[in-house]
Protein backbone atom coordinates (compact mmCIF):
# COMPACT_ATOMS: atom_id res chain seq x y z
CA MET A 1 -22.20 -3.62 -16.79
CA ASP A 2 -25.67 -4.45 -16.10
CA LEU A 3 -26.45 -7.78 -17.68
CA ARG A 4 -29.66 -8.37 -16.35
CA ASP A 5 -32.15 -10.18 -18.81
CA ARG A 6 -29.65 -9.24 -21.72
CA ALA A 7 -28.70 -11.26 -24.56
CA THR A 8 -25.00 -12.45 -24.63
CA LEU A 9 -22.97 -14.86 -26.94
CA VAL A 10 -20.64 -17.52 -25.98
CA VAL A 11 -18.79 -19.46 -28.88
CA GLY A 12 -17.51 -22.86 -27.73
CA GLY A 13 -19.16 -25.53 -25.74
CA ASN A 14 -16.02 -26.64 -23.73
CA GLU A 15 -15.44 -26.48 -20.01
CA LEU A 16 -13.33 -23.21 -20.23
CA ALA A 17 -16.34 -21.60 -21.98
CA ALA A 18 -18.62 -23.00 -19.31
CA ARG A 19 -16.47 -21.31 -16.67
CA LYS A 20 -16.87 -18.00 -18.41
CA ALA A 21 -20.59 -18.55 -18.94
CA SER A 22 -21.21 -19.04 -15.13
CA LEU A 23 -20.05 -15.46 -14.66
CA LEU A 24 -22.55 -14.09 -17.14
CA LEU A 25 -25.19 -16.15 -15.54
CA SER A 26 -24.32 -14.99 -12.16
CA ALA A 27 -24.96 -11.53 -13.39
CA GLY A 28 -28.35 -12.38 -14.70
CA ALA A 29 -27.67 -12.56 -18.47
CA ARG A 30 -29.28 -14.76 -21.03
CA ILE A 31 -26.68 -16.85 -22.96
CA GLU A 32 -26.78 -18.14 -26.60
CA VAL A 33 -24.16 -20.80 -27.08
CA VAL A 34 -22.83 -21.55 -30.47
CA CYS A 35 -21.28 -24.86 -30.81
CA PRO A 36 -22.05 -27.72 -33.47
CA GLN A 37 -20.76 -30.44 -30.88
CA PRO A 38 -22.79 -31.51 -27.60
CA LEU A 39 -21.75 -29.33 -24.62
CA ALA A 40 -19.30 -30.36 -22.02
CA PRO A 41 -20.69 -31.85 -18.85
CA ALA A 42 -19.95 -28.69 -16.98
CA TRP A 43 -22.62 -26.85 -18.88
CA ALA A 44 -25.27 -29.02 -17.23
CA GLU A 45 -23.89 -28.09 -13.81
CA LEU A 46 -24.39 -24.27 -14.25
CA PRO A 47 -27.31 -22.58 -12.27
CA GLY A 48 -29.92 -20.79 -14.53
CA GLN A 49 -30.36 -23.42 -17.18
CA ASP A 50 -33.59 -21.81 -18.63
CA ARG A 51 -31.28 -18.81 -19.56
CA ILE A 52 -28.96 -20.85 -21.82
CA GLN A 53 -30.08 -21.72 -25.33
CA GLN A 54 -27.61 -23.78 -27.57
CA ARG A 55 -27.19 -23.36 -31.40
CA ARG A 56 -25.81 -26.65 -32.71
CA GLU A 57 -24.22 -24.94 -35.53
CA ALA A 58 -21.05 -23.22 -36.96
CA TYR A 59 -20.40 -19.49 -35.86
CA ALA A 60 -21.56 -17.02 -38.34
CA LEU A 61 -21.50 -13.15 -38.21
CA GLN A 62 -25.36 -13.13 -37.56
CA HIS A 63 -24.81 -14.72 -34.29
CA LEU A 64 -23.42 -11.28 -32.99
CA GLU A 65 -26.69 -9.45 -33.81
CA GLY A 66 -28.34 -7.87 -30.72
CA LYS A 67 -25.60 -9.25 -28.25
CA LEU A 68 -24.30 -7.01 -25.37
CA ILE A 69 -20.99 -8.94 -24.88
CA VAL A 70 -19.36 -11.99 -26.33
CA ILE A 71 -17.09 -14.76 -25.22
CA ALA A 72 -15.03 -16.42 -27.78
CA ALA A 73 -13.77 -19.78 -26.33
CA SER A 74 -14.05 -22.13 -29.34
CA GLY A 75 -10.61 -23.58 -28.68
CA ASP A 76 -9.86 -22.87 -32.34
CA ALA A 77 -7.28 -19.85 -32.23
CA GLU A 78 -8.05 -18.77 -35.88
CA LEU A 79 -11.79 -18.75 -35.30
CA ASP A 80 -11.57 -16.89 -31.95
CA HIS A 81 -9.24 -14.27 -33.54
CA LYS A 82 -11.96 -13.67 -36.21
CA ILE A 83 -14.63 -13.41 -33.78
CA SER A 84 -12.73 -10.79 -31.79
CA GLU A 85 -12.09 -8.67 -34.91
CA ALA A 86 -15.87 -8.83 -35.84
CA ALA A 87 -17.15 -8.09 -32.40
CA ARG A 88 -14.73 -4.99 -32.15
CA ALA A 89 -15.61 -3.71 -35.45
CA ARG A 90 -19.25 -3.65 -34.27
CA GLY A 91 -18.45 -2.01 -30.89
CA ILE A 92 -19.33 -5.24 -29.10
CA PRO A 93 -17.21 -5.95 -25.88
CA VAL A 94 -15.31 -9.21 -26.51
CA ASN A 95 -13.41 -11.54 -24.18
CA VAL A 96 -11.06 -14.29 -25.71
CA PRO A 97 -9.91 -16.57 -22.57
CA ASP A 98 -6.03 -16.42 -22.20
CA ARG A 99 -5.48 -14.16 -25.09
CA PRO A 100 -5.47 -10.61 -23.75
CA GLY A 101 -4.54 -9.10 -27.07
CA LEU A 102 -7.65 -9.98 -28.48
CA CYS A 103 -9.98 -8.79 -25.68
CA SER A 104 -11.62 -5.59 -25.35
CA PHE A 105 -12.75 -6.53 -21.74
CA ILE A 106 -11.37 -8.87 -19.04
CA LEU A 107 -12.92 -11.21 -16.55
CA PRO A 108 -11.19 -10.82 -13.28
CA SER A 109 -11.12 -13.43 -10.26
CA ILE A 110 -14.08 -12.41 -8.30
CA ILE A 111 -14.96 -12.49 -4.69
CA ASP A 112 -18.80 -12.14 -4.43
CA ARG A 113 -20.28 -11.00 -1.33
CA SER A 114 -23.23 -9.36 -2.77
CA PRO A 115 -23.85 -6.62 -2.83
CA ILE A 116 -19.94 -6.28 -2.14
CA VAL A 117 -18.07 -7.47 -5.07
CA VAL A 118 -14.30 -7.60 -5.20
CA ALA A 119 -12.19 -8.26 -8.35
CA VAL A 120 -8.58 -9.14 -8.89
CA SER A 121 -6.92 -8.84 -12.24
CA SER A 122 -3.49 -9.18 -13.71
CA GLY A 123 -4.88 -7.83 -17.19
CA GLY A 124 -4.30 -11.44 -18.53
CA ASP A 125 -0.63 -11.51 -17.73
CA ALA A 126 -0.84 -13.86 -14.50
CA PRO A 127 -4.49 -15.49 -14.12
CA VAL A 128 -2.98 -18.05 -11.74
CA LEU A 129 -1.42 -15.20 -9.71
CA SER A 130 -5.03 -13.47 -9.55
CA ARG A 131 -6.68 -16.63 -8.53
CA LEU A 132 -4.18 -17.31 -5.82
CA LEU A 133 -4.82 -13.47 -4.43
CA ARG A 134 -8.46 -14.10 -4.61
CA ALA A 135 -8.22 -17.14 -2.52
CA ARG A 136 -6.16 -15.33 0.03
CA LEU A 137 -8.73 -12.39 0.11
CA GLU A 138 -11.59 -14.83 0.46
CA THR A 139 -10.29 -15.81 3.75
CA LEU A 140 -10.05 -12.11 4.82
CA ILE A 141 -13.61 -11.01 3.71
CA PRO A 142 -16.37 -12.91 5.83
CA ALA A 143 -19.39 -14.12 3.78
CA ALA A 144 -21.62 -12.01 6.03
CA TYR A 145 -19.98 -8.72 4.43
CA GLY A 146 -22.97 -9.09 2.15
CA GLN A 147 -25.47 -8.84 5.05
CA LEU A 148 -23.69 -5.75 6.32
CA ALA A 149 -23.82 -3.91 3.21
CA ALA A 150 -27.62 -4.98 2.89
CA LEU A 151 -28.05 -3.31 6.37
CA ALA A 152 -26.35 -0.23 5.22
CA GLY A 153 -28.53 -0.09 2.17
CA ARG A 154 -31.66 -0.13 4.29
CA PHE A 155 -30.38 2.92 6.33
CA ARG A 156 -28.95 4.86 3.47
CA GLU A 157 -31.74 7.18 2.87
CA ARG A 158 -32.45 7.84 6.36
CA VAL A 159 -28.78 8.64 7.08
CA ARG A 160 -28.83 10.96 3.94
CA ASP A 161 -31.80 12.61 5.61
CA VAL A 162 -30.48 13.12 9.00
CA ILE A 163 -26.79 13.85 8.03
CA GLY A 164 -27.05 16.62 5.28
CA ARG A 165 -23.12 16.81 4.59
CA GLY A 166 -21.57 14.27 2.38
CA ASP A 167 -18.12 14.47 4.38
CA GLU A 168 -20.09 13.99 7.59
CA ARG A 169 -21.95 10.91 6.24
CA ARG A 170 -18.73 9.31 5.28
CA LYS A 171 -17.49 9.70 8.97
CA PHE A 172 -20.56 8.38 10.31
CA TRP A 173 -20.43 5.19 8.10
CA GLU A 174 -16.65 4.73 8.81
CA LYS A 175 -17.75 4.77 12.50
CA VAL A 176 -20.52 2.31 11.85
CA PHE A 177 -18.50 -0.27 10.01
CA LEU A 178 -15.53 0.02 12.66
CA SER A 179 -18.05 -0.34 15.58
CA PRO A 180 -19.80 -3.50 17.16
CA VAL A 181 -22.31 -3.26 14.51
CA ALA A 182 -20.18 -5.18 12.23
CA GLU A 183 -19.48 -7.96 14.60
CA MET A 184 -23.26 -8.23 15.28
CA VAL A 185 -23.92 -8.86 11.85
CA PHE A 186 -21.17 -11.34 11.40
CA ALA A 187 -22.33 -13.33 14.49
CA GLY A 188 -25.97 -13.34 13.06
CA ARG A 189 -27.53 -10.85 15.27
CA GLU A 190 -28.98 -8.64 12.68
CA ALA A 191 -31.77 -7.27 14.73
CA GLU A 192 -29.33 -6.29 17.67
CA ALA A 193 -27.21 -4.62 14.83
CA GLU A 194 -30.05 -2.86 13.47
CA ALA A 195 -30.81 -1.31 16.88
CA ARG A 196 -27.34 -0.28 17.41
CA LEU A 197 -27.10 1.58 14.17
CA GLU A 198 -30.54 3.29 15.00
CA SER A 199 -28.93 4.43 18.42
CA MET A 200 -25.65 5.72 16.66
CA LEU A 201 -27.69 7.66 14.13
CA THR A 202 -29.70 9.30 16.86
CA ASP A 203 -26.55 10.03 18.68
CA ASN A 204 -24.78 11.49 15.83
CA ALA A 205 -27.63 13.97 14.94
CA MET A 206 -26.92 15.66 18.40
CA GLN A 207 -23.20 15.86 18.09
CA SER A 208 -20.97 18.43 16.42
CA PRO A 209 -18.07 17.14 14.18
CA VAL A 210 -14.89 16.78 16.35
CA GLY A 211 -11.50 16.86 14.63
CA GLU A 212 -8.43 15.04 15.41
CA VAL A 213 -4.88 14.72 14.23
CA TYR A 214 -3.06 11.40 13.52
CA LEU A 215 0.79 11.82 14.00
CA VAL A 216 1.83 8.68 11.87
CA GLY A 217 5.34 7.62 11.02
CA ALA A 218 5.71 6.48 7.34
CA GLY A 219 9.07 4.59 8.10
CA PRO A 220 12.03 4.66 5.93
CA GLY A 221 10.39 4.49 2.66
CA ASN A 222 9.30 1.01 1.76
CA PRO A 223 5.40 0.58 2.05
CA ASP A 224 5.75 -2.99 3.17
CA LEU A 225 7.25 -1.62 6.59
CA LEU A 226 4.19 0.63 7.43
CA THR A 227 2.07 -0.60 10.63
CA PHE A 228 -1.35 -1.77 10.42
CA ARG A 229 -2.61 0.94 12.35
CA ALA A 230 -0.79 3.45 10.09
CA LEU A 231 -2.55 2.05 7.06
CA ARG A 232 -5.85 2.00 8.85
CA LEU A 233 -5.65 5.81 9.55
CA MET A 234 -4.21 6.73 6.30
CA GLN A 235 -7.55 5.49 4.87
CA GLN A 236 -9.88 7.46 7.06
CA ALA A 237 -8.22 10.85 7.28
CA ASP A 238 -9.98 13.82 5.45
CA VAL A 239 -6.82 15.95 4.98
CA VAL A 240 -3.17 14.41 4.55
CA VAL A 241 -0.22 16.89 5.32
CA TYR A 242 2.99 15.03 4.38
CA ASP A 243 6.83 15.64 4.33
CA ARG A 244 9.34 15.53 1.48
CA LEU A 245 10.86 12.22 3.05
CA VAL A 246 7.53 10.28 2.66
CA SER A 247 7.78 8.20 -0.58
CA PRO A 248 5.15 8.84 -3.24
CA ALA A 249 4.29 5.08 -2.96
CA ILE A 250 3.13 5.59 0.48
CA VAL A 251 1.29 9.05 -0.21
CA GLU A 252 -0.71 7.18 -2.77
CA MET A 253 -1.95 4.56 -0.35
CA CYS A 254 -3.75 7.29 1.52
CA ARG A 255 -7.51 7.72 0.94
CA ARG A 256 -8.04 8.89 -2.57
CA ASP A 257 -10.41 11.67 -2.09
CA ALA A 258 -8.67 13.15 0.83
CA ASP A 259 -7.06 16.75 0.58
CA ARG A 260 -3.37 16.52 0.43
CA ILE A 261 -1.00 19.16 1.57
CA TYR A 262 2.66 19.15 0.81
CA VAL A 263 4.86 20.72 3.74
CA GLY A 264 8.29 19.13 2.58
CA LYS A 265 11.31 20.83 3.93
CA GLU A 266 14.67 20.88 2.27
CA ARG A 267 17.78 22.63 3.69
CA ASP A 268 17.11 26.50 3.01
CA ASN A 269 13.96 25.75 1.15
CA HIS A 270 11.01 25.12 3.38
CA ALA A 271 7.64 24.77 1.73
CA LEU A 272 6.02 25.99 4.85
CA PRO A 273 7.95 26.79 8.07
CA GLN A 274 7.52 24.34 11.19
CA ASN A 275 5.57 26.93 13.31
CA GLU A 276 3.07 27.21 10.54
CA ILE A 277 2.80 23.65 10.08
CA ASN A 278 1.94 23.34 13.79
CA LEU A 279 -0.76 25.84 13.49
CA LEU A 280 -1.99 24.47 10.16
CA LEU A 281 -2.65 21.02 11.84
CA ALA A 282 -4.45 22.63 14.85
CA ARG A 283 -6.64 24.73 12.38
CA LEU A 284 -7.61 21.86 10.43
CA ALA A 285 -8.73 19.84 13.32
CA LEU A 286 -10.63 22.55 15.02
CA GLU A 287 -12.65 22.77 11.60
CA GLY A 288 -13.75 19.20 12.53
CA LYS A 289 -11.36 17.38 10.06
CA ARG A 290 -9.41 14.32 10.74
CA VAL A 291 -5.93 15.24 9.78
CA LEU A 292 -3.13 12.74 8.92
CA ARG A 293 0.23 14.21 9.63
CA LEU A 294 2.43 11.66 7.57
CA LYS A 295 6.12 11.93 8.39
CA GLY A 296 9.23 9.99 7.09
CA GLY A 297 10.83 7.66 9.62
CA ASP A 298 9.41 7.94 13.10
CA PRO A 299 7.88 10.98 14.40
CA PHE A 300 9.63 11.24 17.48
CA ILE A 301 13.22 10.75 16.12
CA PHE A 302 14.36 13.95 14.32
CA GLY A 303 10.67 14.25 13.17
CA ARG A 304 9.73 17.19 15.27
CA GLY A 305 6.59 15.43 16.33
CA GLY A 306 7.10 16.76 19.80
CA GLU A 307 6.80 20.33 18.67
CA GLU A 308 3.52 19.56 16.54
CA ILE A 309 1.84 18.11 19.58
CA GLU A 310 2.78 20.76 21.83
CA THR A 311 0.99 23.10 19.61
CA LEU A 312 -1.95 20.77 19.35
CA ARG A 313 -2.12 20.55 23.17
CA GLU A 314 -2.03 24.23 23.64
CA HIS A 315 -5.09 24.49 21.13
CA GLY A 316 -7.19 21.65 22.81
CA VAL A 317 -6.68 19.43 19.82
CA SER A 318 -6.93 15.78 20.41
CA PHE A 319 -4.28 13.64 18.76
CA GLN A 320 -2.74 10.28 18.52
CA VAL A 321 0.92 9.19 17.71
CA VAL A 322 1.61 6.04 15.55
CA PRO A 323 5.35 5.11 15.81
CA ALA A 324 7.23 3.65 12.82
CA ILE A 325 10.25 1.86 12.10
CA THR A 326 12.87 4.60 12.12
CA ALA A 327 15.25 5.27 9.24
CA ALA A 328 18.21 4.15 11.36
CA ALA A 329 16.72 0.76 11.92
CA GLY A 330 15.07 0.12 8.49
CA VAL A 331 18.03 1.39 6.42
CA ALA A 332 20.80 -0.36 8.52
CA SER A 333 18.74 -3.52 8.12
CA TYR A 334 18.40 -3.32 4.37
CA ALA A 335 22.04 -2.36 4.04
CA GLY A 336 23.45 -5.35 5.94
CA SER A 337 24.91 -3.36 8.71
CA PRO A 338 23.37 -4.23 12.22
CA LEU A 339 23.38 -1.25 14.33
CA THR A 340 24.71 -3.35 17.46
CA HIS A 341 27.00 -6.42 17.54
CA ARG A 342 28.49 -8.22 20.41
CA ASP A 343 31.98 -8.27 18.85
CA TYR A 344 31.81 -4.67 17.44
CA SER A 345 29.60 -2.22 18.88
CA GLN A 346 27.82 -2.23 22.44
CA ALA A 347 26.33 1.40 21.99
CA LEU A 348 24.09 3.36 19.55
CA ILE A 349 24.10 6.97 19.04
CA PHE A 350 21.48 8.81 16.83
CA VAL A 351 22.50 12.47 15.86
CA THR A 352 21.17 14.97 13.39
CA GLY A 353 23.45 16.41 10.67
CA HIS A 354 22.36 19.91 11.11
CA LEU A 355 20.89 21.90 14.09
CA LYS A 356 18.33 24.88 14.10
CA ASP A 357 21.05 27.30 12.72
CA ASN A 358 22.13 24.86 10.05
CA SER A 359 25.41 24.17 11.74
CA MET A 360 26.95 20.78 12.74
CA ASP A 361 28.06 21.62 16.27
CA LEU A 362 28.18 18.26 17.85
CA ASP A 363 29.82 16.54 20.93
CA TRP A 364 32.61 15.21 18.98
CA ASP A 365 34.56 13.66 21.84
CA MET A 366 31.45 11.69 22.93
CA LEU A 367 31.14 10.48 19.15
CA ALA A 368 34.57 9.57 18.86
CA ARG A 369 34.51 6.93 21.39
CA PRO A 370 35.31 3.29 20.46
CA HIS A 371 32.93 0.27 20.29
CA GLN A 372 29.71 2.23 19.26
CA THR A 373 27.76 2.83 16.18
CA ILE A 374 26.92 6.45 15.22
CA VAL A 375 23.90 7.19 12.93
CA VAL A 376 23.75 10.65 11.42
CA TYR A 377 20.31 11.76 9.97
CA MET A 378 20.31 14.47 7.35
CA GLY A 379 24.33 14.65 7.16
CA LEU A 380 24.93 14.38 3.43
CA LYS A 381 25.94 18.08 2.95
CA GLY A 382 28.07 18.13 5.96
CA LEU A 383 29.88 15.01 5.03
CA SER A 384 33.32 16.31 4.69
CA HIS A 385 32.97 18.34 7.81
CA LEU A 386 31.75 15.26 9.87
CA CYS A 387 34.65 13.00 8.72
CA ALA A 388 37.22 15.56 9.44
CA LYS A 389 35.79 16.15 12.84
CA MET A 390 35.61 12.43 13.85
CA MET A 391 39.02 11.94 12.79
CA GLU A 392 40.36 15.14 14.42
CA HIS A 393 38.67 14.05 17.77
CA GLY A 394 40.31 10.44 17.67
CA LEU A 395 38.71 8.00 15.30
CA ALA A 396 41.02 6.36 13.07
CA PRO A 397 40.94 7.26 9.33
CA ASP A 398 40.17 3.74 8.45
CA THR A 399 37.04 3.70 10.50
CA PRO A 400 34.55 2.13 8.53
CA ILE A 401 31.49 4.33 7.34
CA ALA A 402 28.53 3.78 5.04
CA VAL A 403 26.39 6.27 3.21
CA VAL A 404 22.86 4.79 2.22
CA GLN A 405 20.69 6.69 -0.26
CA GLN A 406 16.80 5.95 -0.33
CA GLY A 407 17.31 2.84 1.99
CA THR A 408 14.73 0.07 1.86
CA THR A 409 13.45 1.07 -1.53
CA LEU A 410 14.27 -0.26 -4.86
CA ASN A 411 16.39 2.91 -5.61
CA GLN A 412 18.55 2.00 -2.43
CA LYS A 413 22.29 2.69 -3.29
CA VAL A 414 25.00 1.85 -0.61
CA VAL A 415 28.45 3.37 -0.54
CA ILE A 416 31.00 1.85 1.76
CA GLY A 417 34.26 3.36 2.74
CA ALA A 418 36.40 4.92 5.61
CA LEU A 419 36.26 8.31 7.13
CA SER A 420 39.31 9.19 5.12
CA ASN A 421 38.04 8.77 1.53
CA MET A 422 34.11 8.58 1.97
CA PRO A 423 33.47 12.33 0.83
CA GLU A 424 35.22 11.50 -2.47
CA LYS A 425 33.25 8.15 -2.85
CA VAL A 426 29.82 10.06 -2.17
CA GLU A 427 30.81 12.38 -4.85
CA ALA A 428 31.82 10.05 -7.33
CA ALA A 429 28.67 8.02 -6.87
CA ALA A 430 26.45 11.29 -7.10
CA LEU A 431 24.43 10.54 -4.12
CA LYS A 432 21.48 12.62 -3.17
CA ALA A 433 19.19 13.00 -0.12
CA PRO A 434 17.59 11.43 1.49
CA THR A 435 20.51 9.69 2.93
CA LEU A 436 21.59 8.11 6.15
CA ILE A 437 25.23 7.89 7.40
CA ILE A 438 26.40 4.94 9.61
CA ILE A 439 29.67 4.96 11.19
CA GLY A 440 31.40 2.24 13.19
CA GLN A 441 32.99 -1.18 12.93
CA VAL A 442 29.58 -2.89 12.18
CA VAL A 443 29.89 -1.44 8.66
CA LYS A 444 32.36 -4.37 8.07
CA LEU A 445 29.66 -6.72 8.06
CA HIS A 446 28.06 -5.14 5.00
CA ASP A 447 29.67 -7.51 2.39
CA LYS A 448 28.56 -10.44 4.54
CA LEU A 449 25.25 -9.77 5.77
CA ALA A 450 23.75 -7.61 2.98
CA TRP A 451 20.67 -9.39 1.70
CA PHE A 452 18.53 -6.72 -0.10
CA ASN A 453 19.40 -6.72 -3.56
CA PRO A 454 17.43 -4.04 -5.38
CA GLU A 455 19.63 -4.21 -8.74
CA GLY A 456 18.94 -8.07 -8.94
CA LYS A 457 22.74 -8.91 -9.02
CA PRO A 458 23.44 -12.59 -8.74
CA THR A 459 24.90 -13.44 -5.15
CA THR A 460 26.69 -16.48 -4.11
CA ALA A 461 26.72 -18.15 -0.88
CA THR A 462 29.91 -19.32 0.95
CA PRO A 463 29.69 -23.15 2.14
CA LEU A 464 29.94 -23.47 5.81
CA ASP A 465 32.57 -25.70 7.37
CA ILE A 466 30.48 -27.38 9.77
CA PRO A 467 32.14 -29.27 12.67
CA ALA A 468 31.46 -33.15 12.21
CA HIS A 469 30.14 -33.53 15.72
CA LEU A 470 27.38 -31.25 15.28
CA ASP A 471 24.23 -33.09 14.16
CA LEU A 472 22.18 -30.66 11.91
């Protein structure tokens, strides 16, 4: 809201009212303060004293006339409620501090790097948390960001004249802000930064747009497990091509205005065959687009990333690969089953639950060896066949097995059993894909080591019997 030289009203002369008034003043507003008592000392410390006028009288309806917005901070709950109702009845935005139900607008915690401004708000539910987040962000956003934005502002019209297409301008500015130009500004070398920006603009005018594919692993599902590099590329891609196994929360973290293409595959139901996905990536990149190929888990572990980049290489398309926490590592960690353990498992094997012809023709003798952990991707549909074959080739019927649905997310479900009874347990639990299967003695550790508790059930700790000679 543009408040420059506009009339605003603050009812109340206490320190809280002064804090709110400081935001109005920083936006250039004129303030009429209605308070019959002397103003708190904090008012005298506010900048822009010439834009503050006090009326030492009780609040009345006529004080609302001609005001753009109103702050009701009198400290009298009944009066503030009355002001809120009157303002809203007249279509005037009103804020009552710490009373979100009476507000038609809120005042968030603000990080001011003018002309860059960042606001953090909890909608009035947790203002202290908002302030803590603001304090953390303050340390991440240098004060010189304002100078960087001002430099961009000086070049804005020239860039528009030289680079006609909006998508190409966006790419140019992203390249500028990720280049040494930004560091030069932060170091106070603005003349040098301006010269570098000028050079980049000249060079850009002589270049044709070049596309690229980012093959990015989205991890096992929890957005907190993404890598920094994955997040950066997710924010600069022009097109997002994503799988069924990529959680909606992660897709929402991609650039808002990027085109999104769903190519999810389920057994016997492919939105797009793999060879067409490969060609789609190449075609989009050859059109000059930056293409994010977002895949659940890690691109090179049953993600068919190798097939995709083979096609890209054949068509001369540049690409980069961003590995991720694969589903096996992430899901096992969140399910409390370490994949290796000195006492239980000295080897780890990853297998896929179905091959190209949708069969499960695995090396059963190799899988049925002792002292190892087997992780089965995409094996839910063939679980009964899997368990039967493992027992047929020598694993004991009581061999521990875990099936984890949507591991690492708040929807995680873990079913623990044995090879002999797991199919019945999974059917009773009505588990659905995506799931991961873990077979081996390490599954015994689940009850002891499980730490992730998405259902919020209370847990109890077992006291340690510490030998007396250990000085802890």
